[in-house]
PDB file of N, CA and C in Angstrom:
ATOM      1  N   UNK A   1       0.748  -1.134  -0.260  1.00  0.00           N
ATOM      2  CA  UNK A   1       0.264  -0.152   0.165  1.00  0.00           C
ATOM      3  C   UNK A   1       1.016   1.067  -0.032  1.00  0.00           C
ATOM      4  N   UNK A   2       0.574   1.945  -0.632  1.00  0.00           N
ATOM      5  CA  UNK A   2       1.773   3.011  -1.305  1.00  0.00           C
ATOM      6  C   UNK A   2       1.033   4.339   0.137  1.00  0.00           C
ATOM      7  N   UNK A   3       2.229   5.043   0.782  1.00  0.00           N
ATOM      8  CA  UNK A   3       2.355   6.097   1.851  1.00  0.00           C
ATOM      9  C   UNK A   3       1.380   7.056   0.945  1.00  0.00           C
ATOM     10  N   UNK A   4       0.032   7.472   1.621  1.00  0.00           N
ATOM     11  CA  UNK A   4      -0.836   8.306   1.521  1.00  0.00           C
ATOM     12  C   UNK A   4      -1.104   9.231   2.397  1.00  0.00           C
ATOM     13  N   UNK A   5      -0.476   9.315   3.540  1.00  0.00           N
ATOM     14  CA  UNK A   5      -0.819   9.958   4.748  1.00  0.00           C
ATOM     15  C   UNK A   5      -0.448  11.683   4.145  1.00  0.00           C
ATOM     16  N   UNK A   6       0.545  11.592   3.484  1.00  0.00           N
ATOM     17  CA  UNK A   6       0.522  13.156   2.694  1.00  0.00           C
ATOM     18  C   UNK A   6       0.866  13.541   1.449  1.00  0.00           C
ATOM     19  N   UNK A   7      -0.926  14.243   1.361  1.00  0.00           N
ATOM     20  CA  UNK A   7      -0.560  14.119  -0.002  1.00  0.00           C
ATOM     21  C   UNK A   7      -1.302  15.613  -0.672  1.00  0.00           C
ATOM     22  N   UNK A   8      -0.904  15.947  -1.375  1.00  0.00           N
ATOM     23  CA  UNK A   8      -1.668  17.723  -1.729  1.00  0.00           C
ATOM     24  C   UNK A   8      -1.687  17.673  -2.947  1.00  0.00           C
ATOM     25  N   UNK A   9      -2.145  19.157  -3.527  1.00  0.00           N
ATOM     26  CA  UNK A   9      -2.858  19.754  -4.291  1.00  0.00           C
ATOM     27  C   UNK A   9      -4.207  18.834  -4.837  1.00  0.00           C
ATOM     28  N   UNK A  10      -4.754  18.369  -6.003  1.00  0.00           N
ATOM     29  CA  UNK A  10      -5.455  17.973  -6.560  1.00  0.00           C
ATOM     30  C   UNK A  10      -6.539  16.879  -6.392  1.00  0.00           C
ATOM     31  N   UNK A  11      -4.834  16.179  -5.782  1.00  0.00           N
ATOM     32  CA  UNK A  11      -5.316  14.288  -5.634  1.00  0.00           C
ATOM     33  C   UNK A  11      -5.679  14.672  -4.233  1.00  0.00           C
ATOM     34  N   UNK A  12      -5.461  15.188  -3.058  1.00  0.00           N
ATOM     35  CA  UNK A  12      -5.513  15.237  -1.813  1.00  0.00           C
ATOM     36  C   UNK A  12      -6.741  16.355  -1.597  1.00  0.00           C
ATOM     37  N   UNK A  13      -7.330  17.013  -2.892  1.00  0.00           N
ATOM     38  CA  UNK A  13      -8.839  17.505  -2.704  1.00  0.00           C
ATOM     39  C   UNK A  13      -9.421  16.455  -3.360  1.00  0.00           C
ATOM     40  N   UNK A  14      -8.863  15.998  -4.127  1.00  0.00           N
ATOM     41  CA  UNK A  14     -10.051  14.864  -4.505  1.00  0.00           C
ATOM     42  C   UNK A  14     -10.216  13.968  -3.680  1.00  0.00           C
ATOM     43  N   UNK A  15      -9.637  13.579  -2.886  1.00  0.00           N
ATOM     44  CA  UNK A  15      -9.521  12.668  -2.028  1.00  0.00           C
ATOM     45  C   UNK A  15     -10.285  13.067  -0.897  1.00  0.00           C
ATOM     46  N   UNK A  16     -10.446  14.372  -0.268  1.00  0.00           N
ATOM     47  CA  UNK A  16     -11.427  14.965   0.483  1.00  0.00           C
ATOM     48  C   UNK A  16     -12.659  15.335   0.081  1.00  0.00           C
ATOM     49  N   UNK A  17     -12.367  15.218  -1.233  1.00  0.00           N
ATOM     50  CA  UNK A  17     -14.107  15.590  -1.582  1.00  0.00           C
ATOM     51  C   UNK A  17     -14.875  14.277  -1.597  1.00  0.00           C
ATOM     52  N   UNK A  18     -14.100  13.066  -1.925  1.00  0.00           N
ATOM     53  CA  UNK A  18     -14.721  12.078  -1.884  1.00  0.00           C
ATOM     54  C   UNK A  18     -15.245  11.568  -0.826  1.00  0.00           C
ATOM     55  N   UNK A  19     -14.142  11.822   0.210  1.00  0.00           N
ATOM     56  CA  UNK A  19     -14.408  11.772   1.954  1.00  0.00           C
ATOM     57  C   UNK A  19     -15.985  12.470   2.507  1.00  0.00           C
ATOM     58  N   UNK A  20     -15.549  13.801   1.391  1.00  0.00           N
ATOM     59  CA  UNK A  20     -16.745  14.786   2.221  1.00  0.00           C
ATOM     60  C   UNK A  20     -18.199  14.262   1.817  1.00  0.00           C
ATOM     61  N   UNK A  21     -17.809  13.907   0.490  1.00  0.00           N
ATOM     62  CA  UNK A  21     -19.582  13.039  -0.376  1.00  0.00           C
ATOM     63  C   UNK A  21     -19.807  11.940   0.563  1.00  0.00           C
ATOM     64  N   UNK A  22     -19.156  11.054   0.936  1.00  0.00           N
ATOM     65  CA  UNK A  22     -19.351   9.654   1.527  1.00  0.00           C
ATOM     66  C   UNK A  22     -19.765  10.036   2.914  1.00  0.00           C
ATOM     67  N   UNK A  23     -19.174  11.475   3.126  1.00  0.00           N
ATOM     68  CA  UNK A  23     -19.887  11.739   4.977  1.00  0.00           C
ATOM     69  C   UNK A  23     -21.257  12.743   4.743  1.00  0.00           C
ATOM     70  N   UNK A  24     -21.300  13.107   3.847  1.00  0.00           N
ATOM     71  CA  UNK A  24     -22.664  14.099   3.657  1.00  0.00           C
ATOM     72  C   UNK A  24     -23.977  12.799   2.962  1.00  0.00           C
ATOM     73  N   UNK A  25     -23.599  12.192   1.925  1.00  0.00           N
ATOM     74  CA  UNK A  25     -24.610  11.794   1.786  1.00  0.00           C
ATOM     75  C   UNK A  25     -24.795  12.294   0.221  1.00  0.00           C
ATOM     76  N   UNK A  26     -26.153  12.206  -0.447  1.00  0.00           N
ATOM     77  CA  UNK A  26     -26.341  12.664  -1.635  1.00  0.00           C
ATOM     78  C   UNK A  26     -27.163  14.093  -1.700  1.00  0.00           C
ATOM     79  N   UNK A  27     -27.124  14.685   0.264  1.00  0.00           N
ATOM     80  CA  UNK A  27     -27.736  15.717  -0.173  1.00  0.00           C
ATOM     81  C   UNK A  27     -27.016  17.255  -0.268  1.00  0.00           C
ATOM     82  N   UNK A  28     -27.285  18.158  -1.013  1.00  0.00           N
ATOM     83  CA  UNK A  28     -26.339  19.132  -1.542  1.00  0.00           C
ATOM     84  C   UNK A  28     -26.149  19.877   0.241  1.00  0.00           C
ATOM     85  N   UNK A  29     -27.190  19.988   0.791  1.00  0.00           N
ATOM     86  CA  UNK A  29     -27.251  20.905   1.921  1.00  0.00           C
ATOM     87  C   UNK A  29     -26.430  20.072   3.040  1.00  0.00           C
ATOM     88  N   UNK A  30     -26.424  18.357   3.159  1.00  0.00           N
ATOM     89  CA  UNK A  30     -25.713  18.500   4.129  1.00  0.00           C
ATOM     90  C   UNK A  30     -23.712  18.565   3.789  1.00  0.00           C
ATOM     91  N   UNK A  31     -23.647  18.471   2.495  1.00  0.00           N
ATOM     92  CA  UNK A  31     -22.678  18.560   1.827  1.00  0.00           C
ATOM     93  C   UNK A  31     -22.107  20.306   2.076  1.00  0.00           C
ATOM     94  N   UNK A  32     -22.860  21.030   2.426  1.00  0.00           N
ATOM     95  CA  UNK A  32     -22.706  22.265   2.450  1.00  0.00           C
ATOM     96  C   UNK A  32     -22.082  22.369   3.795  1.00  0.00           C
ATOM     97  N   UNK A  33     -23.294  21.832   4.869  1.00  0.00           N
ATOM     98  CA  UNK A  33     -22.532  22.174   6.400  1.00  0.00           C
ATOM     99  C   UNK A  33     -21.363  21.321   6.684  1.00  0.00           C
ATOM    100  N   UNK A  34     -21.276  19.808   6.014  1.00  0.00           N
ATOM    101  CA  UNK A  34     -19.723  19.688   6.042  1.00  0.00           C
ATOM    102  C   UNK A  34     -18.746  20.582   5.492  1.00  0.00           C
ATOM    103  N   UNK A  35     -18.715  21.066   4.584  1.00  0.00           N
ATOM    104  CA  UNK A  35     -17.671  22.103   4.367  1.00  0.00           C
ATOM    105  C   UNK A  35     -17.611  23.204   5.231  1.00  0.00           C
ATOM    106  N   UNK A  36     -18.793  23.874   6.211  1.00  0.00           N
ATOM    107  CA  UNK A  36     -18.679  24.606   6.638  1.00  0.00           C
ATOM    108  C   UNK A  36     -17.917  24.147   8.108  1.00  0.00           C
ATOM    109  N   UNK A  37     -18.445  22.672   8.394  1.00  0.00           N
ATOM    110  CA  UNK A  37     -17.674  22.141   9.883  1.00  0.00           C
ATOM    111  C   UNK A  37     -16.091  21.955   9.380  1.00  0.00           C
ATOM    112  N   UNK A  38     -15.692  21.614   8.398  1.00  0.00           N
ATOM    113  CA  UNK A  38     -14.252  21.543   8.240  1.00  0.00           C
ATOM    114  C   UNK A  38     -13.690  23.016   8.145  1.00  0.00           C
ATOM    115  N   UNK A  39     -14.023  23.644   7.786  1.00  0.00           N
ATOM    116  CA  UNK A  39     -13.484  25.345   7.775  1.00  0.00           C
ATOM    117  C   UNK A  39     -13.688  25.925   9.279  1.00  0.00           C
ATOM    118  N   UNK A  40     -14.523  25.751   9.978  1.00  0.00           N
ATOM    119  CA  UNK A  40     -15.011  25.899  11.577  1.00  0.00           C
ATOM    120  C   UNK A  40     -13.864  25.235  12.199  1.00  0.00           C
ATOM    121  N   UNK A  41     -14.000  23.756  11.998  1.00  0.00           N
ATOM    122  CA  UNK A  41     -12.549  23.132  12.514  1.00  0.00           C
ATOM    123  C   UNK A  41     -11.455  23.237  12.929  1.00  0.00           C
ATOM    124  N   UNK A  42     -10.920  23.909  11.203  1.00  0.00           N
ATOM    125  CA  UNK A  42      -9.893  24.320  10.985  1.00  0.00           C
ATOM    126  C   UNK A  42      -9.628  25.818  11.707  1.00  0.00           C
ATOM    127  N   UNK A  43     -10.447  26.346  12.033  1.00  0.00           N
ATOM    128  CA  UNK A  43     -10.420  27.887  12.595  1.00  0.00           C
ATOM    129  C   UNK A  43     -10.405  27.532  14.154  1.00  0.00           C
ATOM    130  N   UNK A  44     -11.056  26.192  14.773  1.00  0.00           N
ATOM    131  CA  UNK A  44     -11.140  26.302  16.193  1.00  0.00           C
ATOM    132  C   UNK A  44     -10.961  25.098  16.762  1.00  0.00           C
ATOM    133  N   UNK A  45     -10.592  24.141  16.308  1.00  0.00           N
ATOM    134  CA  UNK A  45     -10.278  22.964  17.033  1.00  0.00           C
ATOM    135  C   UNK A  45      -9.064  22.436  16.437  1.00  0.00           C
ATOM    136  N   UNK A  46      -8.355  23.161  15.763  1.00  0.00           N
ATOM    137  CA  UNK A  46      -6.615  22.370  15.700  1.00  0.00           C
ATOM    138  C   UNK A  46      -5.903  23.978  16.548  1.00  0.00           C
ATOM    139  N   UNK A  47      -4.624  23.432  16.921  1.00  0.00           N
ATOM    140  CA  UNK A  47      -3.779  24.527  17.341  1.00  0.00           C
ATOM    141  C   UNK A  47      -3.352  25.036  16.582  1.00  0.00           C
ATOM    142  N   UNK A  48      -2.872  26.541  16.979  1.00  0.00           N
ATOM    143  CA  UNK A  48      -2.384  27.724  15.934  1.00  0.00           C
ATOM    144  C   UNK A  48      -1.005  26.521  15.371  1.00  0.00           C
ATOM    145  N   UNK A  49      -0.332  26.184  15.820  1.00  0.00           N
ATOM    146  CA  UNK A  49       0.805  25.473  15.083  1.00  0.00           C
ATOM    147  C   UNK A  49       0.353  24.702  14.443  1.00  0.00           C
ATOM    148  N   UNK A  50      -0.933  23.677  14.400  1.00  0.00           N
ATOM    149  CA  UNK A  50      -1.129  22.730  13.504  1.00  0.00           C
ATOM    150  C   UNK A  50      -1.686  23.288  12.330  1.00  0.00           C
ATOM    151  N   UNK A  51      -2.727  24.563  12.322  1.00  0.00           N
ATOM    152  CA  UNK A  51      -3.495  25.072  11.557  1.00  0.00           C
ATOM    153  C   UNK A  51      -1.935  25.832  10.515  1.00  0.00           C
ATOM    154  N   UNK A  52      -1.223  25.995  11.509  1.00  0.00           N
ATOM    155  CA  UNK A  52       0.076  26.877  10.494  1.00  0.00           C
ATOM    156  C   UNK A  52       0.262  26.044   9.149  1.00  0.00           C
ATOM    157  N   UNK A  53       0.737  24.985  10.224  1.00  0.00           N
ATOM    158  CA  UNK A  53       1.535  23.767   9.216  1.00  0.00           C
ATOM    159  C   UNK A  53       0.787  23.030   8.469  1.00  0.00           C
ATOM    160  N   UNK A  54      -0.557  23.070   8.850  1.00  0.00           N
ATOM    161  CA  UNK A  54      -1.889  22.689   7.388  1.00  0.00           C
ATOM    162  C   UNK A  54      -1.900  23.276   6.153  1.00  0.00           C
ATOM    163  N   UNK A  55      -1.577  25.162   6.975  1.00  0.00           N
ATOM    164  CA  UNK A  55      -2.059  25.990   5.949  1.00  0.00           C
ATOM    165  C   UNK A  55      -0.980  26.369   4.726  1.00  0.00           C
ATOM    166  N   UNK A  56       0.364  26.047   5.646  1.00  0.00           N
ATOM    167  CA  UNK A  56       1.510  26.153   4.763  1.00  0.00           C
ATOM    168  C   UNK A  56       1.884  24.910   3.572  1.00  0.00           C
ATOM    169  N   UNK A  57       1.716  23.560   4.462  1.00  0.00           N
ATOM    170  CA  UNK A  57       1.744  22.333   3.385  1.00  0.00           C
ATOM    171  C   UNK A  57       0.905  22.089   2.518  1.00  0.00           C
ATOM    172  N   UNK A  58      -0.491  22.253   2.918  1.00  0.00           N
ATOM    173  CA  UNK A  58      -1.561  22.055   1.884  1.00  0.00           C
ATOM    174  C   UNK A  58      -1.662  23.445   0.568  1.00  0.00           C
ATOM    175  N   UNK A  59      -2.183  24.274   0.978  1.00  0.00           N
ATOM    176  CA  UNK A  59      -2.424  25.737   0.716  1.00  0.00           C
ATOM    177  C   UNK A  59      -0.959  26.070  -0.265  1.00  0.00           C
ATOM    178  N   UNK A  60      -0.113  26.216   0.261  1.00  0.00           N
ATOM    179  CA  UNK A  60       0.836  26.995  -0.313  1.00  0.00           C
ATOM    180  C   UNK A  60       2.116  25.675  -0.838  1.00  0.00           C
ATOM    181  N   UNK A  61       1.895  24.632  -0.495  1.00  0.00           N
ATOM    182  CA  UNK A  61       2.716  23.687  -1.244  1.00  0.00           C
ATOM    183  C   UNK A  61       4.300  23.314  -0.881  1.00  0.00           C
ATOM    184  N   UNK A  62       4.696  24.227   0.715  1.00  0.00           N
ATOM    185  CA  UNK A  62       5.354  24.164   1.125  1.00  0.00           C
ATOM    186  C   UNK A  62       6.162  22.627   1.333  1.00  0.00           C
ATOM    187  N   UNK A  63       7.527  22.299   1.154  1.00  0.00           N
ATOM    188  CA  UNK A  63       7.746  20.958   2.003  1.00  0.00           C
ATOM    189  C   UNK A  63       8.250  21.016   3.440  1.00  0.00           C
ATOM    190  N   UNK A  64       8.461  19.900   4.192  1.00  0.00           N
ATOM    191  CA  UNK A  64       8.121  19.820   5.955  1.00  0.00           C
ATOM    192  C   UNK A  64       9.495  21.024   5.813  1.00  0.00           C
ATOM    193  N   UNK A  65      10.680  20.509   5.403  1.00  0.00           N
ATOM    194  CA  UNK A  65      12.192  21.238   5.694  1.00  0.00           C
ATOM    195  C   UNK A  65      11.300  22.760   5.172  1.00  0.00           C
ATOM    196  N   UNK A  66      10.757  23.388   4.565  1.00  0.00           N
ATOM    197  CA  UNK A  66      10.702  24.779   4.207  1.00  0.00           C
ATOM    198  C   UNK A  66       9.997  25.155   5.213  1.00  0.00           C
ATOM    199  N   UNK A  67       9.282  24.331   5.409  1.00  0.00           N
ATOM    200  CA  UNK A  67       8.135  24.725   6.614  1.00  0.00           C
ATOM    201  C   UNK A  67       9.023  24.708   7.861  1.00  0.00           C
ATOM    202  N   UNK A  68       9.593  24.268   8.408  1.00  0.00           N
ATOM    203  CA  UNK A  68      10.209  24.266   9.498  1.00  0.00           C
ATOM    204  C   UNK A  68      11.189  25.538   9.405  1.00  0.00           C
ATOM    205  N   UNK A  69      11.348  25.779   8.166  1.00  0.00           N
ATOM    206  CA  UNK A  69      12.869  27.074   8.325  1.00  0.00           C
ATOM    207  C   UNK A  69      11.948  27.938   8.689  1.00  0.00           C
ATOM    208  N   UNK A  70      10.704  28.248   8.055  1.00  0.00           N
ATOM    209  CA  UNK A  70       9.668  29.421   8.275  1.00  0.00           C
ATOM    210  C   UNK A  70       9.337  29.170   9.489  1.00  0.00           C
ATOM    211  N   UNK A  71       8.790  28.284  10.003  1.00  0.00           N
ATOM    212  CA  UNK A  71       8.310  27.927  11.663  1.00  0.00           C
ATOM    213  C   UNK A  71       9.472  28.113  12.713  1.00  0.00           C
ATOM    214  N   UNK A  72      10.593  27.782  12.248  1.00  0.00           N
ATOM    215  CA  UNK A  72      12.079  27.908  13.225  1.00  0.00           C
ATOM    216  C   UNK A  72      11.610  26.839  14.046  1.00  0.00           C
ATOM    217  N   UNK A  73      10.765  25.415  13.491  1.00  0.00           N
ATOM    218  CA  UNK A  73      11.413  24.026  14.339  1.00  0.00           C
ATOM    219  C   UNK A  73      11.494  23.227  13.206  1.00  0.00           C
ATOM    220  N   UNK A  74      11.890  21.757  13.853  1.00  0.00           N
ATOM    221  CA  UNK A  74      12.735  20.944  12.797  1.00  0.00           C
ATOM    222  C   UNK A  74      11.262  20.379  12.279  1.00  0.00           C
ATOM    223  N   UNK A  75      11.256  19.461  11.122  1.00  0.00           N
ATOM    224  CA  UNK A  75      11.421  19.051   9.930  1.00  0.00           C
ATOM    225  C   UNK A  75      10.109  18.046  10.733  1.00  0.00           C
ATOM    226  N   UNK A  76      10.861  17.219  11.756  1.00  0.00           N
ATOM    227  CA  UNK A  76      10.043  16.216  12.105  1.00  0.00           C
ATOM    228  C   UNK A  76       8.539  16.579  13.361  1.00  0.00           C
ATOM    229  N   UNK A  77       8.958  18.335  13.562  1.00  0.00           N
ATOM    230  CA  UNK A  77       7.814  18.888  14.608  1.00  0.00           C
ATOM    231  C   UNK A  77       6.797  19.125  13.273  1.00  0.00           C
ATOM    232  N   UNK A  78       7.406  19.554  11.988  1.00  0.00           N
ATOM    233  CA  UNK A  78       6.173  20.117  11.336  1.00  0.00           C
ATOM    234  C   UNK A  78       5.389  18.744  10.827  1.00  0.00           C
ATOM    235  N   UNK A  79       5.717  17.630  10.591  1.00  0.00           N
ATOM    236  CA  UNK A  79       5.253  16.220  10.489  1.00  0.00           C
ATOM    237  C   UNK A  79       3.925  15.860  11.625  1.00  0.00           C
ATOM    238  N   UNK A  80       4.707  16.308  12.807  1.00  0.00           N
ATOM    239  CA  UNK A  80       3.845  15.518  13.505  1.00  0.00           C
ATOM    240  C   UNK A  80       2.412  16.504  13.674  1.00  0.00           C
ATOM    241  N   UNK A  81       2.851  17.958  13.880  1.00  0.00           N
ATOM    242  CA  UNK A  81       1.850  18.681  13.713  1.00  0.00           C
ATOM    243  C   UNK A  81       0.465  18.308  12.630  1.00  0.00           C
ATOM    244  N   UNK A  82       1.433  18.299  11.531  1.00  0.00           N
ATOM    245  CA  UNK A  82       0.183  18.183  10.716  1.00  0.00           C
ATOM    246  C   UNK A  82      -0.303  16.669  10.554  1.00  0.00           C
ATOM    247  N   UNK A  83       0.170  15.888  11.152  1.00  0.00           N
ATOM    248  CA  UNK A  83      -0.991  14.658  11.303  1.00  0.00           C
ATOM    249  C   UNK A  83      -1.315  14.568  12.299  1.00  0.00           C
ATOM    250  N   UNK A  84      -1.109  15.150  13.246  1.00  0.00           N
ATOM    251  CA  UNK A  84      -2.053  15.745  14.687  1.00  0.00           C
ATOM    252  C   UNK A  84      -2.993  16.393  14.079  1.00  0.00           C
ATOM    253  N   UNK A  85      -2.930  17.696  13.671  1.00  0.00           N
ATOM    254  CA  UNK A  85      -3.911  18.286  13.010  1.00  0.00           C
ATOM    255  C   UNK A  85      -4.945  17.580  12.333  1.00  0.00           C
ATOM    256  N   UNK A  86      -4.474  16.925  11.050  1.00  0.00           N
ATOM    257  CA  UNK A  86      -5.359  16.252   9.974  1.00  0.00           C
ATOM    258  C   UNK A  86      -6.220  15.144  11.334  1.00  0.00           C
ATOM    259  N   UNK A  87      -5.794  14.574  12.099  1.00  0.00           N
ATOM    260  CA  UNK A  87      -6.750  13.230  12.808  1.00  0.00           C
ATOM    261  C   UNK A  87      -6.984  14.200  13.566  1.00  0.00           C
ATOM    262  N   UNK A  88      -7.461  15.316  13.595  1.00  0.00           N
ATOM    263  CA  UNK A  88      -8.312  16.256  14.588  1.00  0.00           C
ATOM    264  C   UNK A  88      -9.178  16.679  13.606  1.00  0.00           C
ATOM    265  N   UNK A  89      -8.932  17.003  12.356  1.00  0.00           N
ATOM    266  CA  UNK A  89      -9.866  17.598  11.531  1.00  0.00           C
ATOM    267  C   UNK A  89     -10.970  16.322  10.916  1.00  0.00           C
ATOM    268  N   UNK A  90     -10.171  15.100  10.755  1.00  0.00           N
ATOM    269  CA  UNK A  90     -11.213  14.008  11.083  1.00  0.00           C
ATOM    270  C   UNK A  90     -12.143  13.446  11.711  1.00  0.00           C
ATOM    271  N   UNK A  91     -11.735  13.680  13.392  1.00  0.00           N
ATOM    272  CA  UNK A  91     -12.138  13.636  14.062  1.00  0.00           C
ATOM    273  C   UNK A  91     -13.053  14.548  14.158  1.00  0.00           C
ATOM    274  N   UNK A  92     -13.484  15.617  14.062  1.00  0.00           N
ATOM    275  CA  UNK A  92     -14.358  16.405  14.173  1.00  0.00           C
ATOM    276  C   UNK A  92     -15.640  16.452  13.154  1.00  0.00           C
ATOM    277  N   UNK A  93     -15.191  16.029  11.764  1.00  0.00           N
ATOM    278  CA  UNK A  93     -15.877  15.927  10.738  1.00  0.00           C
ATOM    279  C   UNK A  93     -16.967  14.922  10.690  1.00  0.00           C
ATOM    280  N   UNK A  94     -16.080  13.622  11.504  1.00  0.00           N
ATOM    281  CA  UNK A  94     -16.773  12.031  11.802  1.00  0.00           C
ATOM    282  C   UNK A  94     -17.928  12.573  12.912  1.00  0.00           C
ATOM    283  N   UNK A  95     -17.082  13.158  13.888  1.00  0.00           N
ATOM    284  CA  UNK A  95     -18.544  13.449  14.823  1.00  0.00           C
ATOM    285  C   UNK A  95     -19.548  14.258  14.744  1.00  0.00           C
ATOM    286  N   UNK A  96     -19.197  15.118  13.917  1.00  0.00           N
ATOM    287  CA  UNK A  96     -20.337  16.254  13.244  1.00  0.00           C
ATOM    288  C   UNK A  96     -21.092  15.493  12.283  1.00  0.00           C
ATOM    289  N   UNK A  97     -20.732  14.761  11.281  1.00  0.00           N
ATOM    290  CA  UNK A  97     -21.647  13.700  10.734  1.00  0.00           C
ATOM    291  C   UNK A  97     -22.952  12.905  11.419  1.00  0.00           C
ATOM    292  N   UNK A  98     -22.085  12.663  12.715  1.00  0.00           N
ATOM    293  CA  UNK A  98     -22.429  11.239  13.493  1.00  0.00           C
ATOM    294  C   UNK A  98     -23.529  12.131  14.240  1.00  0.00           C
ATOM    295  N   UNK A  99     -23.440  13.380  14.872  1.00  0.00           N
ATOM    296  CA  UNK A  99     -24.547  13.749  15.350  1.00  0.00           C
ATOM    297  C   UNK A  99     -25.775  14.414  14.578  1.00  0.00           C
ATOM    298  N   UNK A 100     -25.277  14.941  13.608  1.00  0.00           N
ATOM    299  CA  UNK A 100     -26.078  15.172  12.217  1.00  0.00           C
ATOM    300  C   UNK A 100     -26.894  13.791  12.238  1.00  0.00           C
ATOM    301  N   UNK A 101     -26.502  12.550  12.040  1.00  0.00           N
ATOM    302  CA  UNK A 101     -27.065  11.766  11.793  1.00  0.00           C
ATOM    303  C   UNK A 101     -28.028  11.603  13.019  1.00  0.00           C
ATOM    304  N   UNK A 102     -27.498  11.672  14.124  1.00  0.00           N
ATOM    305  CA  UNK A 102     -28.678  11.122  15.343  1.00  0.00           C
ATOM    306  C   UNK A 102     -29.428  12.362  15.349  1.00  0.00           C
ATOM    307  N   UNK A 103     -29.339  13.510  15.164  1.00  0.00           N
ATOM    308  CA  UNK A 103     -30.484  14.767  15.212  1.00  0.00           C
ATOM    309  C   UNK A 103     -31.260  14.216  14.137  1.00  0.00           C
ATOM    310  N   UNK A 104     -31.222  14.048  13.173  1.00  0.00           N
ATOM    311  CA  UNK A 104     -32.269  13.469  12.173  1.00  0.00           C
ATOM    312  C   UNK A 104     -32.664  12.186  12.321  1.00  0.00           C
ATOM    313  N   UNK A 105     -31.928  11.354  13.178  1.00  0.00           N
ATOM    314  CA  UNK A 105     -33.102  10.340  13.201  1.00  0.00           C
ATOM    315  C   UNK A 105     -34.158  10.528  14.852  1.00  0.00           C
ATOM    316  N   UNK A 106     -33.426  11.370  15.794  1.00  0.00           N
ATOM    317  CA  UNK A 106     -34.371  12.226  16.502  1.00  0.00           C
ATOM    318  C   UNK A 106     -35.672  13.402  16.064  1.00  0.00           C
ATOM    319  N   UNK A 107     -35.086  13.662  15.433  1.00  0.00           N
ATOM    320  CA  UNK A 107     -36.550  14.366  14.244  1.00  0.00           C
ATOM    321  C   UNK A 107     -37.672  13.517  13.656  1.00  0.00           C
ATOM    322  N   UNK A 108     -36.863  12.706  12.886  1.00  0.00           N
ATOM    323  CA  UNK A 108     -38.050  11.462  12.240  1.00  0.00           C
ATOM    324  C   UNK A 108     -38.681  10.418  13.424  1.00  0.00           C
ATOM    325  N   UNK A 109     -38.077  10.400  14.948  1.00  0.00           N
ATOM    326  CA  UNK A 109     -39.213   9.759  15.553  1.00  0.00           C
ATOM    327  C   UNK A 109     -39.881  10.209  16.197  1.00  0.00           C
ATOM    328  N   UNK A 110     -39.822  11.719  16.006  1.00  0.00           N
ATOM    329  CA  UNK A 110     -40.481  12.640  16.957  1.00  0.00           C
ATOM    330  C   UNK A 110     -41.899  12.740  15.902  1.00  0.00           C
ATOM    331  N   UNK A 111     -41.478  12.920  14.320  1.00  0.00           N
ATOM    332  CA  UNK A 111     -42.528  13.169  13.241  1.00  0.00           C
ATOM    333  C   UNK A 111     -43.382  12.392  13.603  1.00  0.00           C
ATOM    334  N   UNK A 112     -43.296  10.868  13.830  1.00  0.00           N
ATOM    335  CA  UNK A 112     -44.386   9.576  13.736  1.00  0.00           C
ATOM    336  C   UNK A 112     -45.235  10.034  15.243  1.00  0.00           C
TER     337      UNK A 112
END
C-alpha cells in the first residue's frame, strides 16, 4: 500500500471531496454543512501551530523542511503537527456527521 498520509494539490482535494461526499450523503445541504464544519474545525479545533503547518503544506505547497525553516522548528515537528491536525479534523468531521445523523433520527422519530 502506498504512503498516502501526505498528499497535496488536486489529488488530496479529490480525496477530501470523496470523503466529504461519503460523509454527507447525496444531500447538497448536508454537503454544504460538512464544508462549513471543516472550515470551522480548521479555525477552532486545531492548534495554531497545526493550522500554520497544514496551511503552509496544503495551501502553499511547501515541504516539511521549508515549513520548518519558516516556523523555526525541526521538520519532524512539522510532520507531527500536520499528522495531529489532520487527525483532529477527521475526528471533528466524523463526530459532526454522527451528531447530524442522530439529530435527524430523533427528528424522524418525533414526527411519527
